[in-house]
Protein backbone atom coordinates (compact mmCIF):
# COMPACT_ATOMS: atom_id res chain seq x y z
CA UNK A 1 0.00 0.00 0.00
CA UNK A 2 1.31 3.47 -0.93
CA UNK A 3 1.17 6.10 1.81
CA UNK A 4 1.60 9.90 1.71
CA UNK A 5 2.25 11.14 5.24
CA UNK A 6 2.32 14.90 4.56
CA UNK A 7 -0.50 16.55 2.63
CA UNK A 8 -2.02 19.96 3.35
CA UNK A 9 -5.68 20.72 2.80
CA UNK A 10 -6.82 24.27 3.46
CA UNK A 11 -10.44 24.58 4.54
CA UNK A 12 -12.65 27.49 3.42
CA UNK A 13 -12.45 28.92 6.95
CA UNK A 14 -8.65 28.82 6.94
CA UNK A 15 -8.49 30.51 3.52
CA UNK A 16 -10.93 33.18 4.71
CA UNK A 17 -8.87 33.81 7.85
CA UNK A 18 -5.67 34.21 5.81
CA UNK A 19 -7.45 36.64 3.47
CA UNK A 20 -8.68 38.76 6.39
CA UNK A 21 -5.18 39.27 7.76
CA UNK A 22 -3.37 42.57 7.18
CA UNK A 23 0.12 41.28 8.02
CA UNK A 24 1.93 38.13 6.85
CA UNK A 25 1.14 35.36 6.72
CA UNK A 26 -1.78 36.36 4.53
CA UNK A 27 -3.47 35.28 1.34
CA UNK A 28 -3.91 37.87 -1.44
CA UNK A 29 -6.25 36.16 -3.91
CA UNK A 30 -4.40 32.87 -4.25
CA UNK A 31 -0.93 34.26 -3.48
CA UNK A 32 0.50 33.41 -0.08
CA UNK A 33 2.49 36.31 1.37
CA UNK A 34 5.05 35.36 4.02
CA UNK A 35 7.40 37.61 5.97
CA UNK A 36 10.93 37.37 4.56
CA UNK A 37 9.99 34.87 1.83
CA UNK A 38 9.04 35.32 -1.82
CA UNK A 39 5.33 35.39 -2.57
CA UNK A 40 4.04 31.89 -3.28
CA UNK A 41 1.27 31.24 -5.81
CA UNK A 42 -1.17 28.71 -4.37
CA UNK A 43 -3.13 26.42 -6.67
CA UNK A 44 -6.70 26.37 -5.33
CA UNK A 45 -7.31 22.93 -6.81
CA UNK A 46 -4.70 21.57 -4.37
CA UNK A 47 -7.22 22.32 -1.62
CA UNK A 48 -10.34 20.97 -3.32
CA UNK A 49 -11.31 17.79 -1.46
CA UNK A 50 -12.94 16.03 -4.44
CA UNK A 51 -10.01 16.79 -6.74
CA UNK A 52 -7.50 15.72 -4.08
CA UNK A 53 -9.29 12.38 -3.68
CA UNK A 54 -9.17 11.88 -7.46
CA UNK A 55 -5.42 12.61 -7.52
CA UNK A 56 -4.81 10.29 -4.59
CA UNK A 57 -6.70 7.50 -6.36
CA UNK A 58 -4.81 8.16 -9.61
CA UNK A 59 -1.55 7.95 -7.64
CA UNK A 60 -2.78 4.67 -6.12
CA UNK A 61 -2.45 6.01 -2.58
CA UNK A 62 -3.94 3.72 0.01
CA UNK A 63 -3.57 6.28 2.79
CA UNK A 64 -3.06 10.05 2.80
CA UNK A 65 -2.40 11.84 6.07
CA UNK A 66 -3.37 15.52 6.24
CA UNK A 67 -0.97 17.75 8.19
CA UNK A 68 -2.02 20.89 10.01
CA UNK A 69 -1.13 24.09 8.19
PDB file of N, CA and C in Angstrom:
ATOM      1  N   UNK A   1       0.842  -1.178   0.000  1.00  0.00           N
ATOM      2  CA  UNK A   1       0.000   0.000   0.000  1.00  0.00           C
ATOM      3  C   UNK A   1       0.890   1.245   0.000  1.00  0.00           C
ATOM      4  N   UNK A   2       0.575   2.201  -0.874  1.00  0.00           N
ATOM      5  CA  UNK A   2       1.305   3.465  -0.927  1.00  0.00           C
ATOM      6  C   UNK A   2       0.701   4.437   0.086  1.00  0.00           C
ATOM      7  N   UNK A   3       1.597   5.176   0.769  1.00  0.00           N
ATOM      8  CA  UNK A   3       1.167   6.103   1.807  1.00  0.00           C
ATOM      9  C   UNK A   3       1.844   7.459   1.584  1.00  0.00           C
ATOM     10  N   UNK A   4       1.072   8.541   1.722  1.00  0.00           N
ATOM     11  CA  UNK A   4       1.604   9.905   1.712  1.00  0.00           C
ATOM     12  C   UNK A   4       1.346  10.457   3.115  1.00  0.00           C
ATOM     13  N   UNK A   5       2.410  10.749   3.842  1.00  0.00           N
ATOM     14  CA  UNK A   5       2.252  11.144   5.239  1.00  0.00           C
ATOM     15  C   UNK A   5       2.278  12.656   5.462  1.00  0.00           C
ATOM     16  N   UNK A   6       2.223  13.446   4.372  1.00  0.00           N
ATOM     17  CA  UNK A   6       2.315  14.899   4.563  1.00  0.00           C
ATOM     18  C   UNK A   6       1.597  15.649   3.443  1.00  0.00           C
ATOM     19  N   UNK A   7       0.286  15.735   3.553  1.00  0.00           N
ATOM     20  CA  UNK A   7      -0.500  16.547   2.634  1.00  0.00           C
ATOM     21  C   UNK A   7      -1.116  17.697   3.421  1.00  0.00           C
ATOM     22  N   UNK A   8      -1.334  18.815   2.743  1.00  0.00           N
ATOM     23  CA  UNK A   8      -2.025  19.957   3.351  1.00  0.00           C
ATOM     24  C   UNK A   8      -3.334  20.161   2.621  1.00  0.00           C
ATOM     25  N   UNK A   9      -4.355  20.474   3.360  1.00  0.00           N
ATOM     26  CA  UNK A   9      -5.681  20.724   2.796  1.00  0.00           C
ATOM     27  C   UNK A   9      -6.262  21.923   3.535  1.00  0.00           C
ATOM     28  N   UNK A  10      -6.322  23.055   2.838  1.00  0.00           N
ATOM     29  CA  UNK A  10      -6.824  24.269   3.462  1.00  0.00           C
ATOM     30  C   UNK A  10      -8.338  24.300   3.375  1.00  0.00           C
ATOM     31  N   UNK A  11      -8.983  24.470   4.512  1.00  0.00           N
ATOM     32  CA  UNK A  11     -10.441  24.581   4.545  1.00  0.00           C
ATOM     33  C   UNK A  11     -10.853  25.994   4.135  1.00  0.00           C
ATOM     34  N   UNK A  12     -12.135  26.166   3.800  1.00  0.00           N
ATOM     35  CA  UNK A  12     -12.649  27.486   3.420  1.00  0.00           C
ATOM     36  C   UNK A  12     -12.442  28.485   4.563  1.00  0.00           C
ATOM     37  N   UNK A  13     -12.635  28.045   5.803  1.00  0.00           N
ATOM     38  CA  UNK A  13     -12.447  28.920   6.949  1.00  0.00           C
ATOM     39  C   UNK A  13     -11.005  29.381   7.110  1.00  0.00           C
ATOM     40  N   UNK A  14     -10.065  28.479   6.845  1.00  0.00           N
ATOM     41  CA  UNK A  14      -8.649  28.818   6.944  1.00  0.00           C
ATOM     42  C   UNK A  14      -8.276  29.828   5.863  1.00  0.00           C
ATOM     43  N   UNK A  15      -8.757  29.590   4.634  1.00  0.00           N
ATOM     44  CA  UNK A  15      -8.493  30.508   3.520  1.00  0.00           C
ATOM     45  C   UNK A  15      -9.070  31.891   3.839  1.00  0.00           C
ATOM     46  N   UNK A  16     -10.286  31.911   4.347  1.00  0.00           N
ATOM     47  CA  UNK A  16     -10.931  33.177   4.705  1.00  0.00           C
ATOM     48  C   UNK A  16     -10.122  33.916   5.776  1.00  0.00           C
ATOM     49  N   UNK A  17      -9.659  33.191   6.779  1.00  0.00           N
ATOM     50  CA  UNK A  17      -8.873  33.810   7.854  1.00  0.00           C
ATOM     51  C   UNK A  17      -7.571  34.396   7.312  1.00  0.00           C
ATOM     52  N   UNK A  18      -6.908  33.691   6.410  1.00  0.00           N
ATOM     53  CA  UNK A  18      -5.671  34.214   5.812  1.00  0.00           C
ATOM     54  C   UNK A  18      -5.950  35.459   4.979  1.00  0.00           C
ATOM     55  N   UNK A  19      -7.099  35.484   4.305  1.00  0.00           N
ATOM     56  CA  UNK A  19      -7.445  36.645   3.474  1.00  0.00           C
ATOM     57  C   UNK A  19      -7.827  37.861   4.313  1.00  0.00           C
ATOM     58  N   UNK A  20      -8.296  37.647   5.512  1.00  0.00           N
ATOM     59  CA  UNK A  20      -8.685  38.757   6.390  1.00  0.00           C
ATOM     60  C   UNK A  20      -7.489  39.402   7.074  1.00  0.00           C
ATOM     61  N   UNK A  21      -6.358  38.739   7.080  1.00  0.00           N
ATOM     62  CA  UNK A  21      -5.179  39.268   7.761  1.00  0.00           C
ATOM     63  C   UNK A  21      -4.613  40.477   7.016  1.00  0.00           C
ATOM     64  N   UNK A  22      -4.003  41.394   7.773  1.00  0.00           N
ATOM     65  CA  UNK A  22      -3.372  42.573   7.181  1.00  0.00           C
ATOM     66  C   UNK A  22      -1.848  42.507   7.252  1.00  0.00           C
ATOM     67  N   UNK A  23      -1.329  41.482   7.921  1.00  0.00           N
ATOM     68  CA  UNK A  23       0.116  41.277   8.020  1.00  0.00           C
ATOM     69  C   UNK A  23       0.407  39.808   7.733  1.00  0.00           C
ATOM     70  N   UNK A  24       1.579  39.521   7.164  1.00  0.00           N
ATOM     71  CA  UNK A  24       1.926  38.132   6.854  1.00  0.00           C
ATOM     72  C   UNK A  24       1.914  37.257   8.110  1.00  0.00           C
ATOM     73  N   UNK A  25       1.552  36.000   7.965  1.00  0.00           N
ATOM     74  CA  UNK A  25       1.142  35.357   6.715  1.00  0.00           C
ATOM     75  C   UNK A  25      -0.283  35.772   6.336  1.00  0.00           C
ATOM     76  N   UNK A  26      -0.468  36.017   5.044  1.00  0.00           N
ATOM     77  CA  UNK A  26      -1.784  36.363   4.532  1.00  0.00           C
ATOM     78  C   UNK A  26      -1.929  35.826   3.119  1.00  0.00           C
ATOM     79  N   UNK A  27      -3.169  35.773   2.677  1.00  0.00           N
ATOM     80  CA  UNK A  27      -3.467  35.282   1.339  1.00  0.00           C
ATOM     81  C   UNK A  27      -4.091  36.430   0.555  1.00  0.00           C
ATOM     82  N   UNK A  28      -3.430  36.816  -0.548  1.00  0.00           N
ATOM     83  CA  UNK A  28      -3.912  37.868  -1.444  1.00  0.00           C
ATOM     84  C   UNK A  28      -4.403  37.178  -2.709  1.00  0.00           C
ATOM     85  N   UNK A  29      -5.724  37.003  -2.823  1.00  0.00           N
ATOM     86  CA  UNK A  29      -6.249  36.163  -3.907  1.00  0.00           C
ATOM     87  C   UNK A  29      -5.822  34.738  -3.620  1.00  0.00           C
ATOM     88  N   UNK A  30      -4.988  34.195  -4.490  1.00  0.00           N
ATOM     89  CA  UNK A  30      -4.399  32.875  -4.254  1.00  0.00           C
ATOM     90  C   UNK A  30      -2.874  32.959  -4.179  1.00  0.00           C
ATOM     91  N   UNK A  31      -2.370  34.091  -3.692  1.00  0.00           N
ATOM     92  CA  UNK A  31      -0.933  34.261  -3.477  1.00  0.00           C
ATOM     93  C   UNK A  31      -0.682  34.335  -1.982  1.00  0.00           C
ATOM     94  N   UNK A  32       0.136  33.433  -1.488  1.00  0.00           N
ATOM     95  CA  UNK A  32       0.499  33.407  -0.076  1.00  0.00           C
ATOM     96  C   UNK A  32       1.659  34.372   0.139  1.00  0.00           C
ATOM     97  N   UNK A  33       1.470  35.314   1.043  1.00  0.00           N
ATOM     98  CA  UNK A  33       2.489  36.306   1.368  1.00  0.00           C
ATOM     99  C   UNK A  33       3.052  35.963   2.740  1.00  0.00           C
ATOM    100  N   UNK A  34       4.359  35.707   2.777  1.00  0.00           N
ATOM    101  CA  UNK A  34       5.049  35.359   4.018  1.00  0.00           C
ATOM    102  C   UNK A  34       6.106  36.410   4.313  1.00  0.00           C
ATOM    103  N   UNK A  35       6.379  36.651   5.563  1.00  0.00           N
ATOM    104  CA  UNK A  35       7.397  37.608   5.969  1.00  0.00           C
ATOM    105  C   UNK A  35       8.778  37.049   5.651  1.00  0.00           C
ATOM    106  N   UNK A  36       9.556  37.776   4.857  1.00  0.00           N
ATOM    107  CA  UNK A  36      10.929  37.372   4.557  1.00  0.00           C
ATOM    108  C   UNK A  36      11.054  36.285   3.516  1.00  0.00           C
ATOM    109  N   UNK A  37       9.970  35.914   2.860  1.00  0.00           N
ATOM    110  CA  UNK A  37       9.988  34.873   1.826  1.00  0.00           C
ATOM    111  C   UNK A  37       9.359  35.439   0.557  1.00  0.00           C
ATOM    112  N   UNK A  38       9.710  34.884  -0.596  1.00  0.00           N
ATOM    113  CA  UNK A  38       9.045  35.320  -1.824  1.00  0.00           C
ATOM    114  C   UNK A  38       7.563  34.936  -1.795  1.00  0.00           C
ATOM    115  N   UNK A  39       6.743  35.743  -2.452  1.00  0.00           N
ATOM    116  CA  UNK A  39       5.327  35.393  -2.569  1.00  0.00           C
ATOM    117  C   UNK A  39       5.200  34.022  -3.232  1.00  0.00           C
ATOM    118  N   UNK A  40       4.204  33.253  -2.796  1.00  0.00           N
ATOM    119  CA  UNK A  40       4.037  31.886  -3.275  1.00  0.00           C
ATOM    120  C   UNK A  40       2.647  31.727  -3.879  1.00  0.00           C
ATOM    121  N   UNK A  41       2.583  31.463  -5.203  1.00  0.00           N
ATOM    122  CA  UNK A  41       1.271  31.239  -5.814  1.00  0.00           C
ATOM    123  C   UNK A  41       0.707  29.888  -5.382  1.00  0.00           C
ATOM    124  N   UNK A  42      -0.501  29.916  -4.851  1.00  0.00           N
ATOM    125  CA  UNK A  42      -1.166  28.709  -4.370  1.00  0.00           C
ATOM    126  C   UNK A  42      -2.159  28.255  -5.435  1.00  0.00           C
ATOM    127  N   UNK A  43      -2.162  26.976  -5.733  1.00  0.00           N
ATOM    128  CA  UNK A  43      -3.127  26.416  -6.673  1.00  0.00           C
ATOM    129  C   UNK A  43      -4.367  26.013  -5.888  1.00  0.00           C
ATOM    130  N   UNK A  44      -5.507  26.694  -6.120  1.00  0.00           N
ATOM    131  CA  UNK A  44      -6.702  26.374  -5.333  1.00  0.00           C
ATOM    132  C   UNK A  44      -7.176  24.936  -5.497  1.00  0.00           C
ATOM    133  N   UNK A  45      -6.869  24.317  -6.625  1.00  0.00           N
ATOM    134  CA  UNK A  45      -7.307  22.931  -6.809  1.00  0.00           C
ATOM    135  C   UNK A  45      -6.570  21.976  -5.869  1.00  0.00           C
ATOM    136  N   UNK A  46      -5.421  22.403  -5.348  1.00  0.00           N
ATOM    137  CA  UNK A  46      -4.704  21.574  -4.375  1.00  0.00           C
ATOM    138  C   UNK A  46      -5.487  21.422  -3.074  1.00  0.00           C
ATOM    139  N   UNK A  47      -6.467  22.314  -2.867  1.00  0.00           N
ATOM    140  CA  UNK A  47      -7.222  22.317  -1.618  1.00  0.00           C
ATOM    141  C   UNK A  47      -8.694  21.983  -1.844  1.00  0.00           C
ATOM    142  N   UNK A  48      -8.992  21.437  -3.002  1.00  0.00           N
ATOM    143  CA  UNK A  48     -10.338  20.970  -3.323  1.00  0.00           C
ATOM    144  C   UNK A  48     -10.407  19.485  -2.960  1.00  0.00           C
ATOM    145  N   UNK A  49     -11.270  19.152  -2.010  1.00  0.00           N
ATOM    146  CA  UNK A  49     -11.310  17.787  -1.461  1.00  0.00           C
ATOM    147  C   UNK A  49     -11.588  16.754  -2.557  1.00  0.00           C
ATOM    148  N   UNK A  50     -12.590  17.002  -3.398  1.00  0.00           N
ATOM    149  CA  UNK A  50     -12.944  16.032  -4.440  1.00  0.00           C
ATOM    150  C   UNK A  50     -11.781  15.820  -5.411  1.00  0.00           C
ATOM    151  N   UNK A  51     -11.140  16.910  -5.813  1.00  0.00           N
ATOM    152  CA  UNK A  51     -10.007  16.787  -6.736  1.00  0.00           C
ATOM    153  C   UNK A  51      -8.839  16.068  -6.073  1.00  0.00           C
ATOM    154  N   UNK A  52      -8.598  16.382  -4.793  1.00  0.00           N
ATOM    155  CA  UNK A  52      -7.501  15.722  -4.083  1.00  0.00           C
ATOM    156  C   UNK A  52      -7.735  14.223  -4.010  1.00  0.00           C
ATOM    157  N   UNK A  53      -8.976  13.815  -3.729  1.00  0.00           N
ATOM    158  CA  UNK A  53      -9.293  12.384  -3.681  1.00  0.00           C
ATOM    159  C   UNK A  53      -9.042  11.722  -5.032  1.00  0.00           C
ATOM    160  N   UNK A  54      -9.417  12.410  -6.111  1.00  0.00           N
ATOM    161  CA  UNK A  54      -9.165  11.879  -7.457  1.00  0.00           C
ATOM    162  C   UNK A  54      -7.675  11.689  -7.692  1.00  0.00           C
ATOM    163  N   UNK A  55      -6.878  12.703  -7.335  1.00  0.00           N
ATOM    164  CA  UNK A  55      -5.423  12.606  -7.523  1.00  0.00           C
ATOM    165  C   UNK A  55      -4.830  11.481  -6.679  1.00  0.00           C
ATOM    166  N   UNK A  56      -5.307  11.362  -5.447  1.00  0.00           N
ATOM    167  CA  UNK A  56      -4.808  10.288  -4.588  1.00  0.00           C
ATOM    168  C   UNK A  56      -5.131   8.917  -5.183  1.00  0.00           C
ATOM    169  N   UNK A  57      -6.339   8.773  -5.713  1.00  0.00           N
ATOM    170  CA  UNK A  57      -6.698   7.500  -6.364  1.00  0.00           C
ATOM    171  C   UNK A  57      -5.834   7.250  -7.591  1.00  0.00           C
ATOM    172  N   UNK A  58      -5.635   8.297  -8.401  1.00  0.00           N
ATOM    173  CA  UNK A  58      -4.809   8.162  -9.606  1.00  0.00           C
ATOM    174  C   UNK A  58      -3.377   7.782  -9.248  1.00  0.00           C
ATOM    175  N   UNK A  59      -2.895   8.285  -8.106  1.00  0.00           N
ATOM    176  CA  UNK A  59      -1.549   7.952  -7.638  1.00  0.00           C
ATOM    177  C   UNK A  59      -1.505   6.629  -6.885  1.00  0.00           C
ATOM    178  N   UNK A  60      -2.664   5.964  -6.791  1.00  0.00           N
ATOM    179  CA  UNK A  60      -2.785   4.674  -6.118  1.00  0.00           C
ATOM    180  C   UNK A  60      -2.384   4.742  -4.646  1.00  0.00           C
ATOM    181  N   UNK A  61      -2.732   5.869  -4.009  1.00  0.00           N
ATOM    182  CA  UNK A  61      -2.452   6.011  -2.580  1.00  0.00           C
ATOM    183  C   UNK A  61      -3.493   5.221  -1.797  1.00  0.00           C
ATOM    184  N   UNK A  62      -3.040   4.435  -0.865  1.00  0.00           N
ATOM    185  CA  UNK A  62      -3.940   3.718   0.009  1.00  0.00           C
ATOM    186  C   UNK A  62      -4.271   4.510   1.256  1.00  0.00           C
ATOM    187  N   UNK A  63      -3.386   5.468   1.595  1.00  0.00           N
ATOM    188  CA  UNK A  63      -3.575   6.280   2.794  1.00  0.00           C
ATOM    189  C   UNK A  63      -2.895   7.620   2.573  1.00  0.00           C
ATOM    190  N   UNK A  64      -3.615   8.696   2.867  1.00  0.00           N
ATOM    191  CA  UNK A  64      -3.060  10.045   2.805  1.00  0.00           C
ATOM    192  C   UNK A  64      -3.326  10.731   4.135  1.00  0.00           C
ATOM    193  N   UNK A  65      -2.281  11.175   4.781  1.00  0.00           N
ATOM    194  CA  UNK A  65      -2.403  11.841   6.071  1.00  0.00           C
ATOM    195  C   UNK A  65      -2.320  13.344   5.858  1.00  0.00           C
ATOM    196  N   UNK A  66      -3.315  14.070   6.382  1.00  0.00           N
ATOM    197  CA  UNK A  66      -3.369  15.522   6.240  1.00  0.00           C
ATOM    198  C   UNK A  66      -2.669  16.149   7.436  1.00  0.00           C
ATOM    199  N   UNK A  67      -1.733  17.041   7.151  1.00  0.00           N
ATOM    200  CA  UNK A  67      -0.975  17.752   8.194  1.00  0.00           C
ATOM    201  C   UNK A  67      -1.603  19.108   8.458  1.00  0.00           C
ATOM    202  N   UNK A  68      -1.516  19.568   9.684  1.00  0.00           N
ATOM    203  CA  UNK A  68      -2.016  20.891  10.013  1.00  0.00           C
ATOM    204  C   UNK A  68      -1.180  21.949   9.326  1.00  0.00           C
ATOM    205  N   UNK A  69      -1.851  22.983   8.851  1.00  0.00           N
ATOM    206  CA  UNK A  69      -1.135  24.087   8.190  1.00  0.00           C
ATOM    207  C   UNK A  69      -0.769  25.142   9.212  1.00  0.00           C
TER     208      UNK A  69
END
